[in-house]
Amino acid sequence: LAIDAALHPADGPWLFFVTWNLDTGETIFSSTVEEHDAAVAKWLDWMDEHPEYQ
């Protein structure tokens, strides 16, 4: 999925993306490092709540 998203990005000014919910595939697109860091934190919180993915 990550490779497909990199090859076919959504239209926009984004430089980064994080699929933060592995159950639904919800993805956060970011244009700054600060936004990306917040998205990664959201993904890490989600991972803590879903140990079956670790």
PDB file of N, CA and C in Angstrom:
ATOM      1  N   LEU A   1       0.815  -1.194   0.000  1.00  0.00           N
ATOM      2  CA  LEU A   1       0.000   0.000   0.000  1.00  0.00           C
ATOM      3  C   LEU A   1       0.859   1.259   0.000  1.00  0.00           C
ATOM      4  N   ALA A   2       1.938   1.227   0.775  1.00  0.00           N
ATOM      5  CA  ALA A   2       2.800   2.410   0.854  1.00  0.00           C
ATOM      6  C   ALA A   2       3.458   2.702  -0.496  1.00  0.00           C
ATOM      7  N   ILE A   3       3.892   1.661  -1.177  1.00  0.00           N
ATOM      8  CA  ILE A   3       4.520   1.860  -2.483  1.00  0.00           C
ATOM      9  C   ILE A   3       3.504   2.397  -3.479  1.00  0.00           C
ATOM     10  N   ASP A   4       2.291   1.856  -3.464  1.00  0.00           N
ATOM     11  CA  ASP A   4       1.244   2.344  -4.360  1.00  0.00           C
ATOM     12  C   ASP A   4       0.929   3.810  -4.073  1.00  0.00           C
ATOM     13  N   ALA A   5       0.858   4.171  -2.793  1.00  0.00           N
ATOM     14  CA  ALA A   5       0.579   5.568  -2.433  1.00  0.00           C
ATOM     15  C   ALA A   5       1.708   6.488  -2.884  1.00  0.00           C
ATOM     16  N   ALA A   6       2.954   6.016  -2.800  1.00  0.00           N
ATOM     17  CA  ALA A   6       4.087   6.828  -3.239  1.00  0.00           C
ATOM     18  C   ALA A   6       4.083   7.006  -4.760  1.00  0.00           C
ATOM     19  N   LEU A   7       3.675   5.961  -5.467  1.00  0.00           N
ATOM     20  CA  LEU A   7       3.641   6.035  -6.929  1.00  0.00           C
ATOM     21  C   LEU A   7       2.436   6.800  -7.459  1.00  0.00           C
ATOM     22  N   HIS A   8       1.349   6.824  -6.680  1.00  0.00           N
ATOM     23  CA  HIS A   8       0.113   7.475  -7.104  1.00  0.00           C
ATOM     24  C   HIS A   8      -0.413   8.373  -5.989  1.00  0.00           C
ATOM     25  N   PRO A   9       0.327   9.433  -5.642  1.00  0.00           N
ATOM     26  CA  PRO A   9      -0.091  10.281  -4.525  1.00  0.00           C
ATOM     27  C   PRO A   9      -1.374  11.049  -4.840  1.00  0.00           C
ATOM     28  N   ALA A  10      -2.084  11.386  -3.784  1.00  0.00           N
ATOM     29  CA  ALA A  10      -3.262  12.240  -3.923  1.00  0.00           C
ATOM     30  C   ALA A  10      -2.815  13.626  -4.370  1.00  0.00           C
ATOM     31  N   ASP A  11      -3.665  14.330  -5.101  1.00  0.00           N
ATOM     32  CA  ASP A  11      -3.336  15.681  -5.539  1.00  0.00           C
ATOM     33  C   ASP A  11      -3.183  16.599  -4.329  1.00  0.00           C
ATOM     34  N   GLY A  12      -2.116  17.353  -4.304  1.00  0.00           N
ATOM     35  CA  GLY A  12      -1.908  18.303  -3.223  1.00  0.00           C
ATOM     36  C   GLY A  12      -0.442  18.604  -3.015  1.00  0.00           C
ATOM     37  N   PRO A  13      -0.136  19.477  -2.079  1.00  0.00           N
ATOM     38  CA  PRO A  13       1.234  19.919  -1.846  1.00  0.00           C
ATOM     39  C   PRO A  13       1.993  19.050  -0.843  1.00  0.00           C
ATOM     40  N   TRP A  14       1.509  17.872  -0.548  1.00  0.00           N
ATOM     41  CA  TRP A  14       2.059  17.060   0.528  1.00  0.00           C
ATOM     42  C   TRP A  14       3.422  16.492   0.200  1.00  0.00           C
ATOM     43  N   LEU A  15       4.241  16.397   1.223  1.00  0.00           N
ATOM     44  CA  LEU A  15       5.557  15.784   1.114  1.00  0.00           C
ATOM     45  C   LEU A  15       5.625  14.472   1.876  1.00  0.00           C
ATOM     46  N   PHE A  16       4.716  14.283   2.848  1.00  0.00           N
ATOM     47  CA  PHE A  16       4.759  13.124   3.740  1.00  0.00           C
ATOM     48  C   PHE A  16       3.376  12.498   3.839  1.00  0.00           C
ATOM     49  N   PHE A  17       3.358  11.225   4.200  1.00  0.00           N
ATOM     50  CA  PHE A  17       2.083  10.595   4.522  1.00  0.00           C
ATOM     51  C   PHE A  17       2.299   9.492   5.549  1.00  0.00           C
ATOM     52  N   VAL A  18       1.280   9.270   6.361  1.00  0.00           N
ATOM     53  CA  VAL A  18       1.284   8.202   7.359  1.00  0.00           C
ATOM     54  C   VAL A  18      -0.092   7.559   7.350  1.00  0.00           C
ATOM     55  N   THR A  19      -0.123   6.253   7.153  1.00  0.00           N
ATOM     56  CA  THR A  19      -1.371   5.523   7.335  1.00  0.00           C
ATOM     57  C   THR A  19      -1.472   5.244   8.821  1.00  0.00           C
ATOM     58  N   TRP A  20      -2.327   6.013   9.482  1.00  0.00           N
ATOM     59  CA  TRP A  20      -2.346   5.967  10.946  1.00  0.00           C
ATOM     60  C   TRP A  20      -3.297   4.905  11.487  1.00  0.00           C
ATOM     61  N   ASN A  21      -4.252   4.455  10.714  1.00  0.00           N
ATOM     62  CA  ASN A  21      -5.201   3.434  11.166  1.00  0.00           C
ATOM     63  C   ASN A  21      -5.092   2.249  10.213  1.00  0.00           C
ATOM     64  N   LEU A  22      -4.435   1.197  10.670  1.00  0.00           N
ATOM     65  CA  LEU A  22      -4.187   0.052   9.791  1.00  0.00           C
ATOM     66  C   LEU A  22      -5.431  -0.779   9.545  1.00  0.00           C
ATOM     67  N   ASP A  23      -6.467  -0.603  10.354  1.00  0.00           N
ATOM     68  CA  ASP A  23      -7.735  -1.302  10.115  1.00  0.00           C
ATOM     69  C   ASP A  23      -8.503  -0.687   8.946  1.00  0.00           C
ATOM     70  N   THR A  24      -8.520   0.632   8.886  1.00  0.00           N
ATOM     71  CA  THR A  24      -9.331   1.320   7.877  1.00  0.00           C
ATOM     72  C   THR A  24      -8.511   1.867   6.713  1.00  0.00           C
ATOM     73  N   GLY A  25      -7.189   1.959   6.898  1.00  0.00           N
ATOM     74  CA  GLY A  25      -6.338   2.535   5.869  1.00  0.00           C
ATOM     75  C   GLY A  25      -6.351   4.049   5.854  1.00  0.00           C
ATOM     76  N   GLU A  26      -6.928   4.679   6.886  1.00  0.00           N
ATOM     77  CA  GLU A  26      -6.965   6.140   6.932  1.00  0.00           C
ATOM     78  C   GLU A  26      -5.544   6.696   6.947  1.00  0.00           C
ATOM     79  N   THR A  27      -5.315   7.677   6.109  1.00  0.00           N
ATOM     80  CA  THR A  27      -3.982   8.231   5.914  1.00  0.00           C
ATOM     81  C   THR A  27      -4.006   9.739   6.131  1.00  0.00           C
ATOM     82  N   ILE A  28      -2.946  10.242   6.755  1.00  0.00           N
ATOM     83  CA  ILE A  28      -2.780  11.677   6.971  1.00  0.00           C
ATOM     84  C   ILE A  28      -1.664  12.153   6.044  1.00  0.00           C
ATOM     85  N   PHE A  29      -1.951  13.156   5.232  1.00  0.00           N
ATOM     86  CA  PHE A  29      -0.969  13.766   4.351  1.00  0.00           C
ATOM     87  C   PHE A  29      -0.502  15.077   4.976  1.00  0.00           C
ATOM     88  N   SER A  30       0.801  15.336   4.907  1.00  0.00           N
ATOM     89  CA  SER A  30       1.375  16.526   5.547  1.00  0.00           C
ATOM     90  C   SER A  30       2.316  17.241   4.593  1.00  0.00           C
ATOM     91  N   SER A  31       2.386  18.553   4.765  1.00  0.00           N
ATOM     92  CA  SER A  31       3.306  19.334   3.945  1.00  0.00           C
ATOM     93  C   SER A  31       4.472  19.902   4.747  1.00  0.00           C
ATOM     94  N   THR A  32       4.445  19.724   6.081  1.00  0.00           N
ATOM     95  CA  THR A  32       5.571  20.176   6.906  1.00  0.00           C
ATOM     96  C   THR A  32       6.022  19.038   7.811  1.00  0.00           C
ATOM     97  N   VAL A  33       7.245  19.139   8.279  1.00  0.00           N
ATOM     98  CA  VAL A  33       7.778  18.130   9.202  1.00  0.00           C
ATOM     99  C   VAL A  33       6.970  18.127  10.496  1.00  0.00           C
ATOM    100  N   GLU A  34       6.560  19.296  10.948  1.00  0.00           N
ATOM    101  CA  GLU A  34       5.791  19.380  12.188  1.00  0.00           C
ATOM    102  C   GLU A  34       4.456  18.645  12.057  1.00  0.00           C
ATOM    103  N   GLU A  35       3.774  18.831  10.943  1.00  0.00           N
ATOM    104  CA  GLU A  35       2.516  18.108  10.707  1.00  0.00           C
ATOM    105  C   GLU A  35       2.762  16.606  10.627  1.00  0.00           C
ATOM    106  N   HIS A  36       3.841  16.233   9.972  1.00  0.00           N
ATOM    107  CA  HIS A  36       4.181  14.815   9.843  1.00  0.00           C
ATOM    108  C   HIS A  36       4.481  14.203  11.204  1.00  0.00           C
ATOM    109  N   ASP A  37       5.241  14.926  12.027  1.00  0.00           N
ATOM    110  CA  ASP A  37       5.557  14.426  13.371  1.00  0.00           C
ATOM    111  C   ASP A  37       4.285  14.200  14.184  1.00  0.00           C
ATOM    112  N   ALA A  38       3.310  15.096  14.063  1.00  0.00           N
ATOM    113  CA  ALA A  38       2.033  14.931  14.767  1.00  0.00           C
ATOM    114  C   ALA A  38       1.289  13.709  14.235  1.00  0.00           C
ATOM    115  N   ALA A  39       1.343  13.480  12.940  1.00  0.00           N
ATOM    116  CA  ALA A  39       0.681  12.318  12.345  1.00  0.00           C
ATOM    117  C   ALA A  39       1.347  11.025  12.810  1.00  0.00           C
ATOM    118  N   VAL A  40       2.661  11.028  12.886  1.00  0.00           N
ATOM    119  CA  VAL A  40       3.383   9.848  13.377  1.00  0.00           C
ATOM    120  C   VAL A  40       3.014   9.576  14.828  1.00  0.00           C
ATOM    121  N   ALA A  41       2.889  10.618  15.640  1.00  0.00           N
ATOM    122  CA  ALA A  41       2.482  10.453  17.037  1.00  0.00           C
ATOM    123  C   ALA A  41       1.092   9.822  17.113  1.00  0.00           C
ATOM    124  N   LYS A  42       0.189  10.238  16.231  1.00  0.00           N
ATOM    125  CA  LYS A  42      -1.162   9.657  16.195  1.00  0.00           C
ATOM    126  C   LYS A  42      -1.087   8.177  15.831  1.00  0.00           C
ATOM    127  N   TRP A  43      -0.249   7.822  14.855  1.00  0.00           N
ATOM    128  CA  TRP A  43      -0.066   6.430  14.460  1.00  0.00           C
ATOM    129  C   TRP A  43       0.523   5.618  15.616  1.00  0.00           C
ATOM    130  N   LEU A  44       1.527   6.164  16.305  1.00  0.00           N
ATOM    131  CA  LEU A  44       2.131   5.457  17.427  1.00  0.00           C
ATOM    132  C   LEU A  44       1.118   5.218  18.542  1.00  0.00           C
ATOM    133  N   ASP A  45       0.254   6.205  18.814  1.00  0.00           N
ATOM    134  CA  ASP A  45      -0.815   6.020  19.804  1.00  0.00           C
ATOM    135  C   ASP A  45      -1.744   4.901  19.367  1.00  0.00           C
ATOM    136  N   TRP A  46      -2.098   4.882  18.086  1.00  0.00           N
ATOM    137  CA  TRP A  46      -2.981   3.842  17.560  1.00  0.00           C
ATOM    138  C   TRP A  46      -2.319   2.479  17.708  1.00  0.00           C
ATOM    139  N   MET A  47      -1.024   2.407  17.419  1.00  0.00           N
ATOM    140  CA  MET A  47      -0.298   1.138  17.541  1.00  0.00           C
ATOM    141  C   MET A  47      -0.275   0.663  18.989  1.00  0.00           C
ATOM    142  N   ASP A  48      -0.125   1.585  19.943  1.00  0.00           N
ATOM    143  CA  ASP A  48      -0.160   1.206  21.360  1.00  0.00           C
ATOM    144  C   ASP A  48      -1.495   0.582  21.732  1.00  0.00           C
ATOM    145  N   GLU A  49      -2.577   1.046  21.094  1.00  0.00           N
ATOM    146  CA  GLU A  49      -3.915   0.532  21.374  1.00  0.00           C
ATOM    147  C   GLU A  49      -4.216  -0.756  20.614  1.00  0.00           C
ATOM    148  N   HIS A  50      -3.370  -1.139  19.678  1.00  0.00           N
ATOM    149  CA  HIS A  50      -3.580  -2.331  18.844  1.00  0.00           C
ATOM    150  C   HIS A  50      -2.314  -3.186  18.810  1.00  0.00           C
ATOM    151  N   PRO A  51      -1.987  -3.840  19.932  1.00  0.00           N
ATOM    152  CA  PRO A  51      -0.745  -4.616  19.985  1.00  0.00           C
ATOM    153  C   PRO A  51      -0.701  -5.796  19.011  1.00  0.00           C
ATOM    154  N   GLU A  52      -1.851  -6.168  18.460  1.00  0.00           N
ATOM    155  CA  GLU A  52      -1.865  -7.272  17.503  1.00  0.00           C
ATOM    156  C   GLU A  52      -1.092  -6.946  16.221  1.00  0.00           C
ATOM    157  N   TYR A  53      -0.796  -5.668  15.988  1.00  0.00           N
ATOM    158  CA  TYR A  53      -0.062  -5.276  14.803  1.00  0.00           C
ATOM    159  C   TYR A  53       1.449  -5.185  15.051  1.00  0.00           C
ATOM    160  N   GLN A  54       1.856  -5.413  16.296  1.00  0.00           N
ATOM    161  CA  GLN A  54       3.284  -5.298  16.624  1.00  0.00           C
ATOM    162  C   GLN A  54       3.973  -6.635  16.530  1.00  0.00           C
TER     163      GLN A  54
END
